[in-house]
PDB file of N, CA and C in Angstrom:
ATOM      1  N   MET A   1       0.845  -1.364   0.095  1.00  0.00           N
ATOM      2  CA  MET A   1      -0.027   0.034   0.215  1.00  0.00           C
ATOM      3  C   MET A   1       0.875   1.323   0.276  1.00  0.00           C
ATOM      4  N   THR A   2       0.613   2.517  -0.769  1.00  0.00           N
ATOM      5  CA  THR A   2       1.509   3.726  -0.875  1.00  0.00           C
ATOM      6  C   THR A   2       0.470   4.347  -0.242  1.00  0.00           C
ATOM      7  N   GLN A   3       1.191   5.498   0.583  1.00  0.00           N
ATOM      8  CA  GLN A   3       0.810   6.685   0.943  1.00  0.00           C
ATOM      9  C   GLN A   3       1.592   7.804   0.826  1.00  0.00           C
ATOM     10  N   GLY A   4       1.386   9.131   0.366  1.00  0.00           N
ATOM     11  CA  GLY A   4       2.167  10.064   0.230  1.00  0.00           C
ATOM     12  C   GLY A   4       3.359   9.723  -1.136  1.00  0.00           C
ATOM     13  N   GLY A   5       2.963   8.708  -2.235  1.00  0.00           N
ATOM     14  CA  GLY A   5       3.836   8.248  -3.228  1.00  0.00           C
ATOM     15  C   GLY A   5       4.761   7.490  -2.978  1.00  0.00           C
ATOM     16  N   GLN A   6       5.079   6.847  -1.683  1.00  0.00           N
ATOM     17  CA  GLN A   6       6.017   5.910  -1.362  1.00  0.00           C
ATOM     18  C   GLN A   6       5.483   4.568  -0.632  1.00  0.00           C
ATOM     19  N   THR A   7       5.814   3.588  -1.068  1.00  0.00           N
ATOM     20  CA  THR A   7       5.413   2.165  -0.250  1.00  0.00           C
ATOM     21  C   THR A   7       6.438   2.337   0.933  1.00  0.00           C
ATOM     22  N   TRP A   8       5.566   1.402   2.066  1.00  0.00           N
ATOM     23  CA  TRP A   8       6.391   1.655   3.089  1.00  0.00           C
ATOM     24  C   TRP A   8       8.066   1.326   3.351  1.00  0.00           C
ATOM     25  N   SER A   9       8.217   0.235   2.308  1.00  0.00           N
ATOM     26  CA  SER A   9       9.765  -0.300   2.003  1.00  0.00           C
ATOM     27  C   SER A   9      10.813   1.266   1.483  1.00  0.00           C
ATOM     28  N   GLU A  10       9.848   1.919   0.616  1.00  0.00           N
ATOM     29  CA  GLU A  10      10.654   2.967  -0.351  1.00  0.00           C
ATOM     30  C   GLU A  10      10.720   4.285   0.982  1.00  0.00           C
ATOM     31  N   ALA A  11       9.971   4.208   1.936  1.00  0.00           N
ATOM     32  CA  ALA A  11      10.150   5.357   3.066  1.00  0.00           C
ATOM     33  C   ALA A  11      10.924   4.964   4.159  1.00  0.00           C
ATOM     34  N   VAL A  12      11.136   3.635   4.614  1.00  0.00           N
ATOM     35  CA  VAL A  12      12.199   3.203   5.318  1.00  0.00           C
ATOM     36  C   VAL A  12      13.521   3.336   4.777  1.00  0.00           C
ATOM     37  N   ALA A  13      13.550   2.816   3.444  1.00  0.00           N
ATOM     38  CA  ALA A  13      14.699   2.902   2.758  1.00  0.00           C
ATOM     39  C   ALA A  13      15.650   4.576   2.724  1.00  0.00           C
ATOM     40  N   ALA A  14      14.323   5.197   1.788  1.00  0.00           N
ATOM     41  CA  ALA A  14      14.728   6.685   2.279  1.00  0.00           C
ATOM     42  C   ALA A  14      15.292   6.916   3.522  1.00  0.00           C
ATOM     43  N   THR A  15      14.811   6.934   5.051  1.00  0.00           N
ATOM     44  CA  THR A  15      14.945   7.334   6.149  1.00  0.00           C
ATOM     45  C   THR A  15      16.395   6.453   6.106  1.00  0.00           C
ATOM     46  N   VAL A  16      16.667   5.640   6.118  1.00  0.00           N
ATOM     47  CA  VAL A  16      18.238   4.803   5.740  1.00  0.00           C
ATOM     48  C   VAL A  16      19.055   5.806   5.425  1.00  0.00           C
ATOM     49  N   ARG A  17      18.806   6.098   4.044  1.00  0.00           N
ATOM     50  CA  ARG A  17      19.951   6.812   3.403  1.00  0.00           C
ATOM     51  C   ARG A  17      19.882   8.472   3.898  1.00  0.00           C
ATOM     52  N   ALA A  18      19.083   8.426   4.314  1.00  0.00           N
ATOM     53  CA  ALA A  18      19.234  10.217   4.985  1.00  0.00           C
ATOM     54  C   ALA A  18      20.117   9.639   6.468  1.00  0.00           C
ATOM     55  N   GLU A  19      19.867   8.878   7.371  1.00  0.00           N
ATOM     56  CA  GLU A  19      20.597   8.784   8.340  1.00  0.00           C
ATOM     57  C   GLU A  19      22.133   8.298   7.842  1.00  0.00           C
ATOM     58  N   LEU A  20      21.959   7.888   7.069  1.00  0.00           N
ATOM     59  CA  LEU A  20      23.881   7.239   6.233  1.00  0.00           C
ATOM     60  C   LEU A  20      24.333   8.529   5.767  1.00  0.00           C
ATOM     61  N   ALA A  21      23.402   9.330   5.079  1.00  0.00           N
ATOM     62  CA  ALA A  21      23.931  10.643   4.850  1.00  0.00           C
ATOM     63  C   ALA A  21      24.653  11.635   6.171  1.00  0.00           C
ATOM     64  N   ARG A  22      23.625  11.740   6.566  1.00  0.00           N
ATOM     65  CA  ARG A  22      23.771  12.671   7.926  1.00  0.00           C
ATOM     66  C   ARG A  22      24.890  12.047   8.644  1.00  0.00           C
ATOM     67  N   ARG A  23      25.272  11.131   8.422  1.00  0.00           N
ATOM     68  CA  ARG A  23      26.223  10.450   9.740  1.00  0.00           C
ATOM     69  C   ARG A  23      27.913  10.450   8.433  1.00  0.00           C
ATOM     70  N   LYS A  24      27.516  10.983   7.344  1.00  0.00           N
ATOM     71  CA  LYS A  24      28.674  10.746   6.381  1.00  0.00           C
ATOM     72  C   LYS A  24      29.178   9.447   6.084  1.00  0.00           C
ATOM     73  N   MET A  25      28.288   8.070   6.149  1.00  0.00           N
ATOM     74  CA  MET A  25      28.354   6.895   5.951  1.00  0.00           C
ATOM     75  C   MET A  25      28.206   6.518   4.631  1.00  0.00           C
ATOM     76  N   ARG A  26      28.586   5.366   4.382  1.00  0.00           N
ATOM     77  CA  ARG A  26      28.128   5.068   2.596  1.00  0.00           C
ATOM     78  C   ARG A  26      27.434   3.975   3.312  1.00  0.00           C
ATOM     79  N   ALA A  27      26.421   3.407   2.202  1.00  0.00           N
ATOM     80  CA  ALA A  27      25.536   2.107   2.144  1.00  0.00           C
ATOM     81  C   ALA A  27      26.533   1.222   2.476  1.00  0.00           C
ATOM     82  N   GLY A  28      27.344   1.074   1.326  1.00  0.00           N
ATOM     83  CA  GLY A  28      28.253  -0.235   1.408  1.00  0.00           C
ATOM     84  C   GLY A  28      28.922  -0.525   2.604  1.00  0.00           C
ATOM     85  N   SER A  29      28.822   0.549   3.658  1.00  0.00           N
ATOM     86  CA  SER A  29      29.215  -0.057   5.483  1.00  0.00           C
ATOM     87  C   SER A  29      28.311  -0.925   6.121  1.00  0.00           C
ATOM     88  N   LEU A  30      27.121  -1.085   5.434  1.00  0.00           N
ATOM     89  CA  LEU A  30      25.863  -2.035   5.770  1.00  0.00           C
ATOM     90  C   LEU A  30      26.279  -3.362   5.559  1.00  0.00           C
ATOM     91  N   ALA A  31      26.667  -3.474   4.785  1.00  0.00           N
ATOM     92  CA  ALA A  31      26.957  -4.958   4.207  1.00  0.00           C
ATOM     93  C   ALA A  31      27.434  -5.847   4.722  1.00  0.00           C
ATOM     94  N   ALA A  32      28.198  -5.548   5.814  1.00  0.00           N
ATOM     95  CA  ALA A  32      29.105  -6.790   6.662  1.00  0.00           C
ATOM     96  C   ALA A  32      28.484  -6.480   7.792  1.00  0.00           C
ATOM     97  N   VAL A  33      27.677  -5.235   8.186  1.00  0.00           N
ATOM     98  CA  VAL A  33      26.661  -5.405   9.444  1.00  0.00           C
ATOM     99  C   VAL A  33      25.739  -6.302   9.157  1.00  0.00           C
ATOM    100  N   LEU A  34      24.879  -6.165   8.122  1.00  0.00           N
ATOM    101  CA  LEU A  34      23.924  -7.248   7.848  1.00  0.00           C
ATOM    102  C   LEU A  34      24.183  -8.503   7.298  1.00  0.00           C
ATOM    103  N   GLY A  35      25.391  -8.562   7.087  1.00  0.00           N
ATOM    104  CA  GLY A  35      25.791  -9.992   6.566  1.00  0.00           C
ATOM    105  C   GLY A  35      25.617 -10.289   5.422  1.00  0.00           C
ATOM    106  N   LEU A  36      25.363  -9.384   4.305  1.00  0.00           N
ATOM    107  CA  LEU A  36      24.829  -9.465   3.169  1.00  0.00           C
ATOM    108  C   LEU A  36      25.974  -9.223   1.972  1.00  0.00           C
ATOM    109  N   GLY A  37      25.805  -9.533   1.036  1.00  0.00           N
ATOM    110  CA  GLY A  37      26.369  -8.704  -0.106  1.00  0.00           C
ATOM    111  C   GLY A  37      26.351  -7.444  -0.366  1.00  0.00           C
ATOM    112  N   ARG A  38      27.122  -6.851  -1.154  1.00  0.00           N
ATOM    113  CA  ARG A  38      26.818  -5.778  -1.834  1.00  0.00           C
ATOM    114  C   ARG A  38      25.413  -5.503  -2.312  1.00  0.00           C
ATOM    115  N   THR A  39      25.173  -6.473  -3.263  1.00  0.00           N
ATOM    116  CA  THR A  39      23.915  -5.902  -4.371  1.00  0.00           C
ATOM    117  C   THR A  39      22.575  -6.366  -3.258  1.00  0.00           C
ATOM    118  N   ALA A  40      22.614  -7.145  -2.441  1.00  0.00           N
ATOM    119  CA  ALA A  40      21.705  -7.546  -1.566  1.00  0.00           C
ATOM    120  C   ALA A  40      21.149  -6.540  -0.635  1.00  0.00           C
ATOM    121  N   THR A  41      22.656  -5.869  -0.193  1.00  0.00           N
ATOM    122  CA  THR A  41      22.416  -4.446   0.677  1.00  0.00           C
ATOM    123  C   THR A  41      21.747  -3.335  -0.109  1.00  0.00           C
ATOM    124  N   TYR A  42      22.448  -3.110  -1.409  1.00  0.00           N
ATOM    125  CA  TYR A  42      22.055  -2.146  -2.203  1.00  0.00           C
ATOM    126  C   TYR A  42      20.257  -2.381  -2.520  1.00  0.00           C
ATOM    127  N   ASP A  43      19.948  -3.352  -2.812  1.00  0.00           N
ATOM    128  CA  ASP A  43      18.491  -3.484  -2.882  1.00  0.00           C
ATOM    129  C   ASP A  43      17.460  -2.937  -1.587  1.00  0.00           C
ATOM    130  N   ARG A  44      18.285  -3.357  -0.619  1.00  0.00           N
ATOM    131  CA  ARG A  44      17.406  -2.568   0.691  1.00  0.00           C
ATOM    132  C   ARG A  44      17.928  -1.333   0.917  1.00  0.00           C
ATOM    133  N   VAL A  45      18.807  -0.584   0.769  1.00  0.00           N
ATOM    134  CA  VAL A  45      18.948   0.667   0.774  1.00  0.00           C
ATOM    135  C   VAL A  45      18.086   1.308  -0.254  1.00  0.00           C
ATOM    136  N   ASN A  46      17.829   1.007  -1.476  1.00  0.00           N
ATOM    137  CA  ASN A  46      17.193   1.616  -2.587  1.00  0.00           C
ATOM    138  C   ASN A  46      15.858   1.462  -2.490  1.00  0.00           C
ATOM    139  N   GLY A  47      15.240   0.306  -1.718  1.00  0.00           N
ATOM    140  CA  GLY A  47      14.215   0.042  -1.378  1.00  0.00           C
ATOM    141  C   GLY A  47      13.046  -0.911  -2.343  1.00  0.00           C
ATOM    142  N   THR A  48      14.114  -1.410  -3.179  1.00  0.00           N
ATOM    143  CA  THR A  48      13.669  -2.485  -4.035  1.00  0.00           C
ATOM    144  C   THR A  48      13.589  -4.050  -3.177  1.00  0.00           C
ATOM    145  N   VAL A  49      14.172  -4.164  -2.017  1.00  0.00           N
ATOM    146  CA  VAL A  49      13.879  -5.213  -1.392  1.00  0.00           C
ATOM    147  C   VAL A  49      13.544  -4.736   0.319  1.00  0.00           C
ATOM    148  N   PRO A  50      12.524  -4.848   0.821  1.00  0.00           N
ATOM    149  CA  PRO A  50      12.389  -4.578   2.193  1.00  0.00           C
ATOM    150  C   PRO A  50      13.551  -4.756   3.385  1.00  0.00           C
ATOM    151  N   PHE A  51      13.868  -4.227   4.144  1.00  0.00           N
ATOM    152  CA  PHE A  51      14.417  -4.660   5.549  1.00  0.00           C
ATOM    153  C   PHE A  51      13.625  -5.690   6.326  1.00  0.00           C
ATOM    154  N   ASP A  52      13.966  -6.817   6.867  1.00  0.00           N
ATOM    155  CA  ASP A  52      13.124  -7.666   7.857  1.00  0.00           C
ATOM    156  C   ASP A  52      13.859  -6.818   9.031  1.00  0.00           C
ATOM    157  N   THR A  53      12.938  -7.148   9.863  1.00  0.00           N
ATOM    158  CA  THR A  53      13.080  -6.986  11.289  1.00  0.00           C
ATOM    159  C   THR A  53      14.531  -7.064  11.624  1.00  0.00           C
ATOM    160  N   ARG A  54      14.633  -8.214  11.998  1.00  0.00           N
ATOM    161  CA  ARG A  54      16.438  -8.389  12.011  1.00  0.00           C
ATOM    162  C   ARG A  54      17.244  -7.074  11.811  1.00  0.00           C
ATOM    163  N   GLU A  55      17.187  -6.932  10.430  1.00  0.00           N
ATOM    164  CA  GLU A  55      18.154  -5.955   9.410  1.00  0.00           C
ATOM    165  C   GLU A  55      17.779  -4.663  10.138  1.00  0.00           C
ATOM    166  N   LEU A  56      16.454  -4.342  10.267  1.00  0.00           N
ATOM    167  CA  LEU A  56      16.429  -3.081  10.730  1.00  0.00           C
ATOM    168  C   LEU A  56      17.119  -2.859  12.326  1.00  0.00           C
ATOM    169  N   LEU A  57      16.871  -3.898  13.055  1.00  0.00           N
ATOM    170  CA  LEU A  57      17.480  -3.692  14.202  1.00  0.00           C
ATOM    171  C   LEU A  57      18.923  -3.578  13.959  1.00  0.00           C
ATOM    172  N   LEU A  58      19.963  -4.306  13.066  1.00  0.00           N
ATOM    173  CA  LEU A  58      21.320  -3.908  12.910  1.00  0.00           C
ATOM    174  C   LEU A  58      21.222  -2.694  12.566  1.00  0.00           C
ATOM    175  N   VAL A  59      20.660  -2.227  11.145  1.00  0.00           N
ATOM    176  CA  VAL A  59      20.830  -0.875  10.684  1.00  0.00           C
ATOM    177  C   VAL A  59      20.786   0.081  11.977  1.00  0.00           C
ATOM    178  N   ALA A  60      19.393   0.086  12.951  1.00  0.00           N
ATOM    179  CA  ALA A  60      19.491   1.128  13.908  1.00  0.00           C
ATOM    180  C   ALA A  60      20.812   1.228  14.780  1.00  0.00           C
ATOM    181  N   SER A  61      21.188  -0.050  15.139  1.00  0.00           N
ATOM    182  CA  SER A  61      22.541  -0.157  15.998  1.00  0.00           C
ATOM    183  C   SER A  61      23.073   0.505  15.361  1.00  0.00           C
ATOM    184  N   HIS A  62      23.778   0.312  14.122  1.00  0.00           N
ATOM    185  CA  HIS A  62      24.725   0.757  13.370  1.00  0.00           C
ATOM    186  C   HIS A  62      24.989   2.030  13.159  1.00  0.00           C
ATOM    187  N   LEU A  63      23.865   2.885  13.025  1.00  0.00           N
ATOM    188  CA  LEU A  63      23.260   4.245  12.883  1.00  0.00           C
ATOM    189  C   LEU A  63      23.155   4.966  14.291  1.00  0.00           C
ATOM    190  N   GLY A  64      23.252   4.297  15.006  1.00  0.00           N
ATOM    191  CA  GLY A  64      23.162   5.107  16.519  1.00  0.00           C
ATOM    192  C   GLY A  64      21.747   5.325  16.742  1.00  0.00           C
ATOM    193  N   VAL A  65      20.744   4.680  16.041  1.00  0.00           N
ATOM    194  CA  VAL A  65      19.121   5.483  16.506  1.00  0.00           C
ATOM    195  C   VAL A  65      18.394   3.944  16.765  1.00  0.00           C
ATOM    196  N   SER A  66      17.480   4.094  17.446  1.00  0.00           N
ATOM    197  CA  SER A  66      16.382   3.184  17.651  1.00  0.00           C
ATOM    198  C   SER A  66      15.684   2.938  16.794  1.00  0.00           C
ATOM    199  N   VAL A  67      15.106   1.546  16.394  1.00  0.00           N
ATOM    200  CA  VAL A  67      13.992   1.370  15.310  1.00  0.00           C
ATOM    201  C   VAL A  67      13.068   2.095  15.526  1.00  0.00           C
ATOM    202  N   GLU A  68      12.327   2.547  16.348  1.00  0.00           N
ATOM    203  CA  GLU A  68      11.467   3.464  16.974  1.00  0.00           C
ATOM    204  C   GLU A  68      11.706   5.007  16.030  1.00  0.00           C
ATOM    205  N   GLU A  69      13.150   5.321  16.078  1.00  0.00           N
ATOM    206  CA  GLU A  69      13.012   6.565  15.307  1.00  0.00           C
ATOM    207  C   GLU A  69      12.957   6.584  14.110  1.00  0.00           C
ATOM    208  N   LEU A  70      13.402   5.092  13.472  1.00  0.00           N
ATOM    209  CA  LEU A  70      14.003   5.003  12.217  1.00  0.00           C
ATOM    210  C   LEU A  70      12.213   4.824  11.272  1.00  0.00           C
ATOM    211  N   VAL A  71      11.084   4.129  12.532  1.00  0.00           N
ATOM    212  CA  VAL A  71      10.131   3.608  12.119  1.00  0.00           C
ATOM    213  C   VAL A  71       8.795   5.190  11.721  1.00  0.00           C
ATOM    214  N   ARG A  72       9.340   6.283  13.050  1.00  0.00           N
ATOM    215  CA  ARG A  72       8.764   7.472  12.912  1.00  0.00           C
ATOM    216  C   ARG A  72       8.986   8.267  11.753  1.00  0.00           C
ATOM    217  N   ALA A  73      10.719   8.160  11.265  1.00  0.00           N
ATOM    218  CA  ALA A  73      10.893   8.835  10.749  1.00  0.00           C
ATOM    219  C   ALA A  73      10.272   8.721   9.145  1.00  0.00           C
ATOM    220  N   ALA A  74      10.620   7.364   9.055  1.00  0.00           N
ATOM    221  CA  ALA A  74       9.532   6.871   7.989  1.00  0.00           C
ATOM    222  C   ALA A  74       8.298   6.888   7.847  1.00  0.00           C
ATOM    223  N   ASP A  75       7.496   6.850   8.930  1.00  0.00           N
ATOM    224  CA  ASP A  75       6.019   7.354   8.876  1.00  0.00           C
ATOM    225  C   ASP A  75       5.800   8.721   8.322  1.00  0.00           C
ATOM    226  N   SER A  76       6.702   9.689   8.731  1.00  0.00           N
ATOM    227  CA  SER A  76       6.745  11.245   8.654  1.00  0.00           C
ATOM    228  C   SER A  76       6.911  11.015   6.842  1.00  0.00           C
ATOM    229  N   ARG A  77       7.474  10.526   6.234  1.00  0.00           N
ATOM    230  CA  ARG A  77       7.808  10.667   4.951  1.00  0.00           C
ATOM    231  C   ARG A  77       6.497  10.452   4.117  1.00  0.00           C
ATOM    232  N   ARG A  78       5.599   9.344   4.722  1.00  0.00           N
ATOM    233  CA  ARG A  78       4.469   8.769   3.875  1.00  0.00           C
ATOM    234  C   ARG A  78       3.393   9.835   4.060  1.00  0.00           C
ATOM    235  N   ASP A  79       3.552  10.776   4.924  1.00  0.00           N
ATOM    236  CA  ASP A  79       2.181  11.709   5.207  1.00  0.00           C
ATOM    237  C   ASP A  79       1.856  12.625   4.454  1.00  0.00           C
TER     238      ASP A  79
END
């Protein structure tokens, strides 16, 4: 389901990209954290493949934010 032109996966991915940029981190830095290859990581960061719950926990920890903060920010992108 879309709202505000973005799917939930796209909104979460956009939030992750924004947090990475804010911290001057590269998306590739998530590959080792997630235990995924580069392509699989970029598929998630680009919103092509949704992050699962475990991955969101790992991403949030890597970024130094809570999952709740990521979810709230993604929700605000969809309003």
